[in-house]
């Protein structure tokens, strides 16, 4: 894990193709810009968790239906 303190408009490169620029923010939010090829999948953690909850609920319903 890498933890950094960066000034506004500083950027990180991940490999040769992904650039993350820190645009600033406040105490509760940070704005970032991510430049990456279209082939690179970028997803927010909140969206990933939401999808996992939906999948688990669907699996539970399906298991319940199979039991009856």
PDB file of N, CA and C in Angstrom:
ATOM      1  N   UNK A   1       0.850  -1.169   0.000  1.00  0.00           N
ATOM      2  CA  UNK A   1       0.000   0.000   0.000  1.00  0.00           C
ATOM      3  C   UNK A   1       0.898   1.234   0.000  1.00  0.00           C
ATOM      4  N   UNK A   2       0.445   2.238  -0.728  1.00  0.00           N
ATOM      5  CA  UNK A   2       1.186   3.493  -0.815  1.00  0.00           C
ATOM      6  C   UNK A   2       0.291   4.611  -0.303  1.00  0.00           C
ATOM      7  N   UNK A   3       0.749   5.383   0.672  1.00  0.00           N
ATOM      8  CA  UNK A   3      -0.014   6.511   1.186  1.00  0.00           C
ATOM      9  C   UNK A   3       0.802   7.771   0.947  1.00  0.00           C
ATOM     10  N   UNK A   4       0.179   8.755   0.308  1.00  0.00           N
ATOM     11  CA  UNK A   4       0.883   9.979  -0.053  1.00  0.00           C
ATOM     12  C   UNK A   4       0.119  11.212   0.385  1.00  0.00           C
ATOM     13  N   UNK A   5       0.842  12.279   0.615  1.00  0.00           N
ATOM     14  CA  UNK A   5       0.261  13.602   0.734  1.00  0.00           C
ATOM     15  C   UNK A   5       0.745  14.365  -0.485  1.00  0.00           C
ATOM     16  N   UNK A   6      -0.195  14.852  -1.279  1.00  0.00           N
ATOM     17  CA  UNK A   6       0.189  15.483  -2.544  1.00  0.00           C
ATOM     18  C   UNK A   6      -0.441  16.865  -2.670  1.00  0.00           C
ATOM     19  N   UNK A   7       0.250  17.767  -3.334  1.00  0.00           N
ATOM     20  CA  UNK A   7      -0.340  19.085  -3.577  1.00  0.00           C
ATOM     21  C   UNK A   7      -1.343  19.009  -4.733  1.00  0.00           C
ATOM     22  N   UNK A   8      -2.195  20.025  -4.817  1.00  0.00           N
ATOM     23  CA  UNK A   8      -3.170  20.121  -5.889  1.00  0.00           C
ATOM     24  C   UNK A   8      -2.475  20.053  -7.244  1.00  0.00           C
ATOM     25  N   UNK A   9      -3.063  19.336  -8.174  1.00  0.00           N
ATOM     26  CA  UNK A   9      -2.600  19.135  -9.554  1.00  0.00           C
ATOM     27  C   UNK A   9      -1.380  18.230  -9.671  1.00  0.00           C
ATOM     28  N   UNK A  10      -0.959  17.613  -8.578  1.00  0.00           N
ATOM     29  CA  UNK A  10       0.085  16.583  -8.645  1.00  0.00           C
ATOM     30  C   UNK A  10      -0.542  15.364  -9.306  1.00  0.00           C
ATOM     31  N   UNK A  11       0.256  14.547  -9.957  1.00  0.00           N
ATOM     32  CA  UNK A  11      -0.298  13.349 -10.572  1.00  0.00           C
ATOM     33  C   UNK A  11       0.576  12.141 -10.323  1.00  0.00           C
ATOM     34  N   UNK A  12      -0.054  10.980 -10.451  1.00  0.00           N
ATOM     35  CA  UNK A  12       0.630   9.696 -10.351  1.00  0.00           C
ATOM     36  C   UNK A  12       0.470   8.970 -11.678  1.00  0.00           C
ATOM     37  N   UNK A  13       1.483   8.248 -12.068  1.00  0.00           N
ATOM     38  CA  UNK A  13       1.391   7.385 -13.247  1.00  0.00           C
ATOM     39  C   UNK A  13       1.376   5.944 -12.755  1.00  0.00           C
ATOM     40  N   UNK A  14       0.442   5.158 -13.281  1.00  0.00           N
ATOM     41  CA  UNK A  14       0.387   3.728 -13.011  1.00  0.00           C
ATOM     42  C   UNK A  14       0.685   3.050 -14.338  1.00  0.00           C
ATOM     43  N   UNK A  15       1.852   2.435 -14.395  1.00  0.00           N
ATOM     44  CA  UNK A  15       2.308   1.907 -15.681  1.00  0.00           C
ATOM     45  C   UNK A  15       2.553   3.072 -16.626  1.00  0.00           C
ATOM     46  N   UNK A  16       2.407   2.820 -17.915  1.00  0.00           N
ATOM     47  CA  UNK A  16       2.624   3.875 -18.916  1.00  0.00           C
ATOM     48  C   UNK A  16       1.323   4.516 -19.368  1.00  0.00           C
ATOM     49  N   UNK A  17       0.176   3.896 -19.003  1.00  0.00           N
ATOM     50  CA  UNK A  17      -1.090   4.311 -19.592  1.00  0.00           C
ATOM     51  C   UNK A  17      -2.084   4.983 -18.660  1.00  0.00           C
ATOM     52  N   UNK A  18      -1.914   4.861 -17.352  1.00  0.00           N
ATOM     53  CA  UNK A  18      -2.919   5.385 -16.426  1.00  0.00           C
ATOM     54  C   UNK A  18      -2.328   6.556 -15.647  1.00  0.00           C
ATOM     55  N   UNK A  19      -3.016   7.698 -15.741  1.00  0.00           N
ATOM     56  CA  UNK A  19      -2.568   8.912 -15.049  1.00  0.00           C
ATOM     57  C   UNK A  19      -3.689   9.361 -14.115  1.00  0.00           C
ATOM     58  N   UNK A  20      -3.352   9.546 -12.839  1.00  0.00           N
ATOM     59  CA  UNK A  20      -4.309  10.018 -11.846  1.00  0.00           C
ATOM     60  C   UNK A  20      -3.851  11.394 -11.382  1.00  0.00           C
ATOM     61  N   UNK A  21      -4.695  12.404 -11.614  1.00  0.00           N
ATOM     62  CA  UNK A  21      -4.376  13.775 -11.227  1.00  0.00           C
ATOM     63  C   UNK A  21      -5.248  14.174 -10.056  1.00  0.00           C
ATOM     64  N   UNK A  22      -4.655  14.734  -9.026  1.00  0.00           N
ATOM     65  CA  UNK A  22      -5.369  15.187  -7.835  1.00  0.00           C
ATOM     66  C   UNK A  22      -5.771  16.641  -8.047  1.00  0.00           C
ATOM     67  N   UNK A  23      -7.081  16.885  -8.073  1.00  0.00           N
ATOM     68  CA  UNK A  23      -7.590  18.213  -8.407  1.00  0.00           C
ATOM     69  C   UNK A  23      -7.904  19.073  -7.186  1.00  0.00           C
ATOM     70  N   UNK A  24      -7.795  18.513  -6.010  1.00  0.00           N
ATOM     71  CA  UNK A  24      -8.080  19.260  -4.790  1.00  0.00           C
ATOM     72  C   UNK A  24      -9.289  18.681  -4.091  1.00  0.00           C
ATOM     73  N   UNK A  25      -9.836  19.419  -3.183  1.00  0.00           N
ATOM     74  CA  UNK A  25     -10.997  18.956  -2.445  1.00  0.00           C
ATOM     75  C   UNK A  25     -11.095  19.659  -1.111  1.00  0.00           C
ATOM     76  N   UNK A  26     -11.852  19.026  -0.215  1.00  0.00           N
ATOM     77  CA  UNK A  26     -11.995  19.577   1.127  1.00  0.00           C
ATOM     78  C   UNK A  26     -11.802  18.461   2.136  1.00  0.00           C
ATOM     79  N   UNK A  27     -12.236  18.684   3.345  1.00  0.00           N
ATOM     80  CA  UNK A  27     -12.003  17.717   4.418  1.00  0.00           C
ATOM     81  C   UNK A  27     -12.654  16.363   4.145  1.00  0.00           C
ATOM     82  N   UNK A  28     -13.823  16.361   3.499  1.00  0.00           N
ATOM     83  CA  UNK A  28     -14.590  15.127   3.307  1.00  0.00           C
ATOM     84  C   UNK A  28     -14.518  14.545   1.905  1.00  0.00           C
ATOM     85  N   UNK A  29     -14.058  15.309   0.938  1.00  0.00           N
ATOM     86  CA  UNK A  29     -14.051  14.831  -0.445  1.00  0.00           C
ATOM     87  C   UNK A  29     -12.746  15.208  -1.135  1.00  0.00           C
ATOM     88  N   UNK A  30     -12.350  14.353  -2.046  1.00  0.00           N
ATOM     89  CA  UNK A  30     -11.161  14.593  -2.857  1.00  0.00           C
ATOM     90  C   UNK A  30     -11.552  14.435  -4.312  1.00  0.00           C
ATOM     91  N   UNK A  31     -11.170  15.355  -5.145  1.00  0.00           N
ATOM     92  CA  UNK A  31     -11.480  15.259  -6.567  1.00  0.00           C
ATOM     93  C   UNK A  31     -10.245  14.750  -7.298  1.00  0.00           C
ATOM     94  N   UNK A  32     -10.449  13.728  -8.121  1.00  0.00           N
ATOM     95  CA  UNK A  32      -9.360  13.174  -8.912  1.00  0.00           C
ATOM     96  C   UNK A  32      -9.823  13.042 -10.355  1.00  0.00           C
ATOM     97  N   UNK A  33      -8.873  13.091 -11.262  1.00  0.00           N
ATOM     98  CA  UNK A  33      -9.145  12.853 -12.671  1.00  0.00           C
ATOM     99  C   UNK A  33      -8.304  11.645 -13.073  1.00  0.00           C
ATOM    100  N   UNK A  34      -8.934  10.681 -13.727  1.00  0.00           N
ATOM    101  CA  UNK A  34      -8.231   9.474 -14.138  1.00  0.00           C
ATOM    102  C   UNK A  34      -8.228   9.412 -15.660  1.00  0.00           C
ATOM    103  N   UNK A  35      -7.044   9.361 -16.230  1.00  0.00           N
ATOM    104  CA  UNK A  35      -6.894   9.200 -17.673  1.00  0.00           C
ATOM    105  C   UNK A  35      -6.357   7.795 -17.914  1.00  0.00           C
ATOM    106  N   UNK A  36      -7.122   7.008 -18.677  1.00  0.00           N
ATOM    107  CA  UNK A  36      -6.735   5.619 -18.924  1.00  0.00           C
ATOM    108  C   UNK A  36      -7.320   5.177 -20.261  1.00  0.00           C
ATOM    109  N   UNK A  37      -6.711   4.174 -20.878  1.00  0.00           N
ATOM    110  CA  UNK A  37      -7.289   3.638 -22.110  1.00  0.00           C
ATOM    111  C   UNK A  37      -8.674   3.053 -21.848  1.00  0.00           C
ATOM    112  N   UNK A  38      -9.502   2.984 -22.877  1.00  0.00           N
ATOM    113  CA  UNK A  38     -10.860   2.458 -22.735  1.00  0.00           C
ATOM    114  C   UNK A  38     -10.877   1.014 -22.255  1.00  0.00           C
ATOM    115  N   UNK A  39      -9.827   0.265 -22.510  1.00  0.00           N
ATOM    116  CA  UNK A  39      -9.770  -1.141 -22.104  1.00  0.00           C
ATOM    117  C   UNK A  39      -9.625  -1.305 -20.594  1.00  0.00           C
ATOM    118  N   UNK A  40      -9.207  -0.255 -19.905  1.00  0.00           N
ATOM    119  CA  UNK A  40      -8.992  -0.323 -18.459  1.00  0.00           C
ATOM    120  C   UNK A  40     -10.321  -0.086 -17.754  1.00  0.00           C
ATOM    121  N   UNK A  41     -10.757  -1.049 -16.961  1.00  0.00           N
ATOM    122  CA  UNK A  41     -11.998  -0.933 -16.208  1.00  0.00           C
ATOM    123  C   UNK A  41     -11.739  -0.126 -14.938  1.00  0.00           C
ATOM    124  N   UNK A  42     -12.512   0.947 -14.757  1.00  0.00           N
ATOM    125  CA  UNK A  42     -12.388   1.785 -13.572  1.00  0.00           C
ATOM    126  C   UNK A  42     -13.742   1.779 -12.880  1.00  0.00           C
ATOM    127  N   UNK A  43     -13.784   1.403 -11.624  1.00  0.00           N
ATOM    128  CA  UNK A  43     -15.043   1.359 -10.874  1.00  0.00           C
ATOM    129  C   UNK A  43     -14.831   1.894  -9.470  1.00  0.00           C
ATOM    130  N   UNK A  44     -15.807   2.623  -8.975  1.00  0.00           N
ATOM    131  CA  UNK A  44     -15.763   3.115  -7.594  1.00  0.00           C
ATOM    132  C   UNK A  44     -16.024   1.965  -6.645  1.00  0.00           C
ATOM    133  N   UNK A  45     -15.396   1.999  -5.490  1.00  0.00           N
ATOM    134  CA  UNK A  45     -15.601   0.964  -4.486  1.00  0.00           C
ATOM    135  C   UNK A  45     -17.065   0.831  -4.091  1.00  0.00           C
ATOM    136  N   UNK A  46     -17.766   1.943  -3.984  1.00  0.00           N
ATOM    137  CA  UNK A  46     -19.182   1.927  -3.611  1.00  0.00           C
ATOM    138  C   UNK A  46     -20.005   1.155  -4.648  1.00  0.00           C
ATOM    139  N   UNK A  47     -19.707   1.350  -5.928  1.00  0.00           N
ATOM    140  CA  UNK A  47     -20.432   0.648  -6.989  1.00  0.00           C
ATOM    141  C   UNK A  47     -20.140  -0.850  -6.945  1.00  0.00           C
ATOM    142  N   UNK A  48     -18.907  -1.221  -6.667  1.00  0.00           N
ATOM    143  CA  UNK A  48     -18.536  -2.638  -6.575  1.00  0.00           C
ATOM    144  C   UNK A  48     -19.279  -3.295  -5.414  1.00  0.00           C
ATOM    145  N   UNK A  49     -19.333  -2.625  -4.277  1.00  0.00           N
ATOM    146  CA  UNK A  49     -20.033  -3.165  -3.114  1.00  0.00           C
ATOM    147  C   UNK A  49     -21.533  -3.307  -3.384  1.00  0.00           C
ATOM    148  N   UNK A  50     -22.108  -2.318  -4.046  1.00  0.00           N
ATOM    149  CA  UNK A  50     -23.538  -2.355  -4.364  1.00  0.00           C
ATOM    150  C   UNK A  50     -23.860  -3.547  -5.263  1.00  0.00           C
ATOM    151  N   UNK A  51     -23.011  -3.783  -6.276  1.00  0.00           N
ATOM    152  CA  UNK A  51     -23.210  -4.930  -7.170  1.00  0.00           C
ATOM    153  C   UNK A  51     -23.082  -6.241  -6.402  1.00  0.00           C
ATOM    154  N   UNK A  52     -22.147  -6.324  -5.470  1.00  0.00           N
ATOM    155  CA  UNK A  52     -21.953  -7.545  -4.686  1.00  0.00           C
ATOM    156  C   UNK A  52     -23.183  -7.836  -3.834  1.00  0.00           C
ATOM    157  N   UNK A  53     -23.783  -6.803  -3.241  1.00  0.00           N
ATOM    158  CA  UNK A  53     -24.987  -6.984  -2.433  1.00  0.00           C
ATOM    159  C   UNK A  53     -26.138  -7.477  -3.307  1.00  0.00           C
ATOM    160  N   UNK A  54     -26.291  -6.896  -4.494  1.00  0.00           N
ATOM    161  CA  UNK A  54     -27.356  -7.332  -5.412  1.00  0.00           C
ATOM    162  C   UNK A  54     -27.158  -8.783  -5.832  1.00  0.00           C
ATOM    163  N   UNK A  55     -25.917  -9.156  -6.139  1.00  0.00           N
ATOM    164  CA  UNK A  55     -25.637 -10.545  -6.537  1.00  0.00           C
ATOM    165  C   UNK A  55     -25.955 -11.511  -5.402  1.00  0.00           C
ATOM    166  N   UNK A  56     -25.585 -11.146  -4.182  1.00  0.00           N
ATOM    167  CA  UNK A  56     -25.851 -12.003  -3.026  1.00  0.00           C
ATOM    168  C   UNK A  56     -27.355 -12.158  -2.808  1.00  0.00           C
ATOM    169  N   UNK A  57     -28.098 -11.081  -2.979  1.00  0.00           N
ATOM    170  CA  UNK A  57     -29.554 -11.144  -2.811  1.00  0.00           C
ATOM    171  C   UNK A  57     -30.176 -12.039  -3.875  1.00  0.00           C
ATOM    172  N   UNK A  58     -29.725 -11.906  -5.119  1.00  0.00           N
ATOM    173  CA  UNK A  58     -30.230 -12.762  -6.205  1.00  0.00           C
ATOM    174  C   UNK A  58     -29.909 -14.225  -5.930  1.00  0.00           C
ATOM    175  N   UNK A  59     -28.701 -14.491  -5.456  1.00  0.00           N
ATOM    176  CA  UNK A  59     -28.302 -15.867  -5.158  1.00  0.00           C
ATOM    177  C   UNK A  59     -29.159 -16.441  -4.029  1.00  0.00           C
ATOM    178  N   UNK A  60     -29.474 -15.631  -3.035  1.00  0.00           N
ATOM    179  CA  UNK A  60     -30.302 -16.092  -1.917  1.00  0.00           C
ATOM    180  C   UNK A  60     -31.710 -16.420  -2.391  1.00  0.00           C
ATOM    181  N   UNK A  61     -32.268 -15.583  -3.257  1.00  0.00           N
ATOM    182  CA  UNK A  61     -33.605 -15.829  -3.803  1.00  0.00           C
ATOM    183  C   UNK A  61     -33.603 -17.101  -4.638  1.00  0.00           C
ATOM    184  N   UNK A  62     -32.586 -17.255  -5.457  1.00  0.00           N
ATOM    185  CA  UNK A  62     -32.486 -18.443  -6.309  1.00  0.00           C
ATOM    186  C   UNK A  62     -32.363 -19.712  -5.455  1.00  0.00           C
ATOM    187  N   UNK A  63     -31.556 -19.665  -4.394  1.00  0.00           N
ATOM    188  CA  UNK A  63     -31.390 -20.825  -3.508  1.00  0.00           C
ATOM    189  C   UNK A  63     -32.707 -21.154  -2.807  1.00  0.00           C
ATOM    190  N   UNK A  64     -33.422 -20.104  -2.404  1.00  0.00           N
ATOM    191  CA  UNK A  64     -34.711 -20.312  -1.732  1.00  0.00           C
ATOM    192  C   UNK A  64     -35.715 -20.946  -2.692  1.00  0.00           C
ATOM    193  N   UNK A  65     -35.704 -20.507  -3.928  1.00  0.00           N
ATOM    194  CA  UNK A  65     -36.627 -21.053  -4.934  1.00  0.00           C
ATOM    195  C   UNK A  65     -36.320 -22.528  -5.226  1.00  0.00           C
ATOM    196  N   UNK A  66     -35.054 -22.877  -5.206  1.00  0.00           N
ATOM    197  CA  UNK A  66     -34.651 -24.242  -5.478  1.00  0.00           C
ATOM    198  C   UNK A  66     -35.032 -25.183  -4.329  1.00  0.00           C
ATOM    199  N   UNK A  67     -35.098 -24.647  -3.121  1.00  0.00           N
ATOM    200  CA  UNK A  67     -35.455 -25.451  -1.955  1.00  0.00           C
ATOM    201  C   UNK A  67     -36.942 -25.809  -1.971  1.00  0.00           C
ATOM    202  N   UNK A  68     -37.756 -24.998  -2.603  1.00  0.00           N
ATOM    203  CA  UNK A  68     -39.202 -25.253  -2.600  1.00  0.00           C
ATOM    204  C   UNK A  68     -39.657 -26.089  -3.749  1.00  0.00           C
TER     205      UNK A  68
END
